[in-house]
Amino acid sequence: MDTRRLPHAPVFHRRELTLLASSNALPFDFPEIINLIRQGKINTDVWITHRITFNEVPEIFAQFTDPSLGAIKAVMEVQ
């Protein structure tokens, strides 16, 4: 287990919060994954639940923090 020191630890302890994080990909994993996506072996369509334009970001972005929206991945399209 990799234990890190956080400067904000007193805030976590005061509220008795637990911070748990994980990393499941390293830089050398990405080229292989990108190739699998390009080959159509990984369907990314099911992950993208919302698309917004760059101009919509200020009015819509905060909504993505609401779990009832059901957002998995929102993509901002810049044209």
N, C-alpha and C. Protein backbone atom coordinates (compact mmCIF):
# COMPACT_ATOMS: atom_id res chain seq x y z
N MET A 1 0.86 -1.18 0.00
CA MET A 1 0.00 0.00 0.00
C MET A 1 0.90 1.24 0.00
N ASP A 2 0.55 2.18 -0.85
CA ASP A 2 1.30 3.43 -0.96
C ASP A 2 0.60 4.47 -0.09
N THR A 3 1.29 4.93 0.94
CA THR A 3 0.69 5.91 1.85
C THR A 3 1.31 7.27 1.58
N ARG A 4 0.45 8.25 1.37
CA ARG A 4 0.92 9.61 1.10
C ARG A 4 0.50 10.52 2.24
N ARG A 5 1.27 11.55 2.48
CA ARG A 5 0.93 12.54 3.49
C ARG A 5 0.19 13.68 2.81
N LEU A 6 -0.91 14.07 3.38
CA LEU A 6 -1.72 15.15 2.85
C LEU A 6 -1.65 16.36 3.77
N PRO A 7 -1.40 17.54 3.20
CA PRO A 7 -1.37 18.72 4.06
C PRO A 7 -2.73 19.03 4.68
N HIS A 8 -3.78 18.49 4.09
CA HIS A 8 -5.13 18.75 4.58
C HIS A 8 -5.64 17.63 5.49
N ALA A 9 -4.75 16.78 5.96
CA ALA A 9 -5.16 15.65 6.79
C ALA A 9 -6.01 16.05 7.98
N PRO A 10 -5.73 17.17 8.67
CA PRO A 10 -6.59 17.53 9.81
C PRO A 10 -8.06 17.70 9.42
N VAL A 11 -8.32 18.17 8.22
CA VAL A 11 -9.71 18.33 7.77
C VAL A 11 -10.37 16.96 7.65
N PHE A 12 -9.64 16.00 7.11
CA PHE A 12 -10.20 14.65 6.98
C PHE A 12 -10.44 14.02 8.34
N HIS A 13 -9.50 14.18 9.26
CA HIS A 13 -9.64 13.58 10.58
C HIS A 13 -10.76 14.23 11.38
N ARG A 14 -10.90 15.54 11.26
CA ARG A 14 -11.93 16.24 12.02
C ARG A 14 -13.32 15.69 11.66
N ARG A 15 -13.54 15.41 10.39
CA ARG A 15 -14.84 14.90 9.95
C ARG A 15 -14.86 13.37 9.86
N GLU A 16 -13.75 12.77 10.20
CA GLU A 16 -13.59 11.32 10.13
C GLU A 16 -13.89 10.80 8.73
N LEU A 17 -13.34 11.48 7.73
CA LEU A 17 -13.51 11.08 6.34
C LEU A 17 -12.38 10.13 5.95
N THR A 18 -12.63 9.35 4.96
CA THR A 18 -11.63 8.46 4.41
C THR A 18 -11.44 8.80 2.95
N LEU A 19 -10.20 8.94 2.54
CA LEU A 19 -9.87 9.20 1.15
C LEU A 19 -9.22 7.95 0.60
N LEU A 20 -9.81 7.39 -0.43
CA LEU A 20 -9.29 6.19 -1.05
C LEU A 20 -9.12 6.47 -2.53
N ALA A 21 -7.95 6.19 -3.05
CA ALA A 21 -7.69 6.43 -4.46
C ALA A 21 -6.94 5.25 -5.04
N SER A 22 -7.04 5.12 -6.33
CA SER A 22 -6.29 4.06 -6.99
C SER A 22 -5.87 4.53 -8.37
N SER A 23 -4.88 3.88 -8.87
CA SER A 23 -4.42 4.16 -10.22
C SER A 23 -4.34 2.83 -10.93
N ASN A 24 -5.05 2.71 -12.03
CA ASN A 24 -5.08 1.42 -12.71
C ASN A 24 -4.47 1.47 -14.10
N ALA A 25 -3.86 2.58 -14.48
CA ALA A 25 -3.25 2.69 -15.80
C ALA A 25 -1.95 3.49 -15.70
N LEU A 26 -0.99 3.05 -16.45
CA LEU A 26 0.29 3.74 -16.52
C LEU A 26 0.49 4.25 -17.94
N PRO A 27 1.39 5.21 -18.15
CA PRO A 27 1.55 5.80 -19.48
C PRO A 27 1.73 4.78 -20.60
N PHE A 28 2.43 3.68 -20.35
CA PHE A 28 2.65 2.72 -21.42
C PHE A 28 1.40 1.92 -21.79
N ASP A 29 0.34 2.01 -20.97
CA ASP A 29 -0.92 1.34 -21.27
C ASP A 29 -1.73 2.06 -22.35
N PHE A 30 -1.56 3.37 -22.47
CA PHE A 30 -2.43 4.16 -23.33
C PHE A 30 -2.31 3.87 -24.82
N PRO A 31 -1.11 3.72 -25.39
CA PRO A 31 -1.06 3.42 -26.83
C PRO A 31 -1.83 2.15 -27.20
N GLU A 32 -1.74 1.12 -26.37
CA GLU A 32 -2.47 -0.12 -26.66
C GLU A 32 -3.98 0.11 -26.60
N ILE A 33 -4.44 0.82 -25.60
CA ILE A 33 -5.87 1.10 -25.47
C ILE A 33 -6.36 1.95 -26.64
N ILE A 34 -5.60 2.96 -27.01
CA ILE A 34 -5.97 3.81 -28.15
C ILE A 34 -6.08 2.98 -29.42
N ASN A 35 -5.15 2.07 -29.64
CA ASN A 35 -5.20 1.21 -30.82
C ASN A 35 -6.44 0.31 -30.80
N LEU A 36 -6.79 -0.22 -29.64
CA LEU A 36 -7.98 -1.07 -29.54
C LEU A 36 -9.24 -0.26 -29.85
N ILE A 37 -9.29 0.98 -29.41
CA ILE A 37 -10.44 1.85 -29.71
C ILE A 37 -10.49 2.11 -31.21
N ARG A 38 -9.36 2.46 -31.80
CA ARG A 38 -9.30 2.72 -33.26
C ARG A 38 -9.73 1.50 -34.06
N GLN A 39 -9.38 0.31 -33.59
CA GLN A 39 -9.73 -0.93 -34.30
C GLN A 39 -11.19 -1.33 -34.08
N GLY A 40 -11.89 -0.60 -33.23
CA GLY A 40 -13.29 -0.93 -32.96
C GLY A 40 -13.47 -2.07 -31.99
N LYS A 41 -12.41 -2.47 -31.31
CA LYS A 41 -12.49 -3.57 -30.35
C LYS A 41 -13.02 -3.11 -29.00
N ILE A 42 -12.98 -1.80 -28.76
CA ILE A 42 -13.56 -1.22 -27.55
C ILE A 42 -14.57 -0.18 -28.01
N ASN A 43 -15.81 -0.36 -27.60
CA ASN A 43 -16.88 0.57 -27.96
C ASN A 43 -16.98 1.65 -26.89
N THR A 44 -16.61 2.86 -27.23
CA THR A 44 -16.64 3.95 -26.26
C THR A 44 -17.98 4.68 -26.24
N ASP A 45 -18.85 4.37 -27.20
CA ASP A 45 -20.14 5.07 -27.28
C ASP A 45 -20.96 4.92 -26.00
N VAL A 46 -20.89 3.78 -25.36
CA VAL A 46 -21.69 3.54 -24.15
C VAL A 46 -21.21 4.36 -22.95
N TRP A 47 -19.97 4.84 -23.00
CA TRP A 47 -19.44 5.63 -21.90
C TRP A 47 -19.85 7.09 -21.99
N ILE A 48 -20.03 7.59 -23.21
CA ILE A 48 -20.34 9.01 -23.40
C ILE A 48 -21.85 9.20 -23.28
N THR A 49 -22.27 9.75 -22.16
CA THR A 49 -23.70 9.93 -21.91
C THR A 49 -24.18 11.33 -22.24
N HIS A 50 -23.27 12.29 -22.33
CA HIS A 50 -23.66 13.67 -22.58
C HIS A 50 -22.63 14.35 -23.46
N ARG A 51 -23.11 15.21 -24.33
CA ARG A 51 -22.24 16.04 -25.17
C ARG A 51 -22.71 17.48 -25.06
N ILE A 52 -21.76 18.37 -24.86
CA ILE A 52 -22.09 19.79 -24.79
C ILE A 52 -21.08 20.56 -25.64
N THR A 53 -21.47 21.75 -26.04
CA THR A 53 -20.56 22.60 -26.78
C THR A 53 -19.75 23.45 -25.80
N PHE A 54 -18.68 24.01 -26.28
CA PHE A 54 -17.83 24.87 -25.46
C PHE A 54 -18.64 26.02 -24.88
N ASN A 55 -19.53 26.59 -25.66
CA ASN A 55 -20.34 27.73 -25.20
C ASN A 55 -21.34 27.34 -24.12
N GLU A 56 -21.72 26.08 -24.04
CA GLU A 56 -22.68 25.62 -23.03
C GLU A 56 -22.05 25.34 -21.67
N VAL A 57 -20.74 25.25 -21.62
CA VAL A 57 -20.05 24.87 -20.38
C VAL A 57 -20.45 25.73 -19.18
N PRO A 58 -20.42 27.07 -19.27
CA PRO A 58 -20.74 27.86 -18.07
C PRO A 58 -22.13 27.59 -17.50
N GLU A 59 -23.10 27.33 -18.34
CA GLU A 59 -24.47 27.14 -17.83
C GLU A 59 -24.79 25.68 -17.47
N ILE A 60 -24.08 24.73 -18.03
CA ILE A 60 -24.44 23.32 -17.86
C ILE A 60 -23.47 22.55 -16.97
N PHE A 61 -22.21 22.95 -16.90
CA PHE A 61 -21.18 22.15 -16.24
C PHE A 61 -21.55 21.72 -14.83
N ALA A 62 -22.08 22.59 -14.02
CA ALA A 62 -22.41 22.26 -12.62
C ALA A 62 -23.43 21.14 -12.51
N GLN A 63 -24.26 20.97 -13.52
CA GLN A 63 -25.28 19.91 -13.49
C GLN A 63 -24.66 18.52 -13.45
N PHE A 64 -23.45 18.38 -13.97
CA PHE A 64 -22.81 17.07 -14.02
C PHE A 64 -22.43 16.54 -12.64
N THR A 65 -22.48 17.37 -11.61
CA THR A 65 -22.21 16.90 -10.25
C THR A 65 -23.45 16.32 -9.59
N ASP A 66 -24.60 16.42 -10.25
CA ASP A 66 -25.86 15.89 -9.72
C ASP A 66 -26.01 14.43 -10.15
N PRO A 67 -25.95 13.48 -9.22
CA PRO A 67 -26.04 12.07 -9.58
C PRO A 67 -27.32 11.70 -10.34
N SER A 68 -28.40 12.44 -10.12
CA SER A 68 -29.65 12.10 -10.80
C SER A 68 -29.56 12.34 -12.31
N LEU A 69 -28.57 13.10 -12.76
CA LEU A 69 -28.37 13.32 -14.19
C LEU A 69 -27.90 12.04 -14.87
N GLY A 70 -27.21 11.19 -14.13
CA GLY A 70 -26.74 9.92 -14.68
C GLY A 70 -25.55 10.08 -15.62
N ALA A 71 -24.78 11.13 -15.45
CA ALA A 71 -23.62 11.35 -16.31
C ALA A 71 -22.51 10.37 -15.99
N ILE A 72 -22.02 9.71 -17.01
CA ILE A 72 -20.84 8.85 -16.87
C ILE A 72 -19.64 9.58 -17.44
N LYS A 73 -19.78 10.05 -18.67
CA LYS A 73 -18.73 10.85 -19.30
C LYS A 73 -19.40 11.91 -20.15
N ALA A 74 -19.03 13.14 -19.92
CA ALA A 74 -19.53 14.26 -20.71
C ALA A 74 -18.38 14.75 -21.59
N VAL A 75 -18.68 14.95 -22.84
CA VAL A 75 -17.66 15.40 -23.79
C VAL A 75 -18.00 16.82 -24.21
N MET A 76 -17.00 17.68 -24.12
CA MET A 76 -17.17 19.05 -24.60
C MET A 76 -16.63 19.11 -26.02
N GLU A 77 -17.50 19.47 -26.94
CA GLU A 77 -17.11 19.56 -28.34
C GLU A 77 -16.69 20.98 -28.67
N VAL A 78 -15.48 21.13 -29.17
CA VAL A 78 -14.95 22.44 -29.53
C VAL A 78 -14.81 22.47 -31.05
N GLN A 79 -15.42 23.50 -31.62
CA GLN A 79 -15.35 23.61 -33.09
C GLN A 79 -14.73 24.90 -33.51
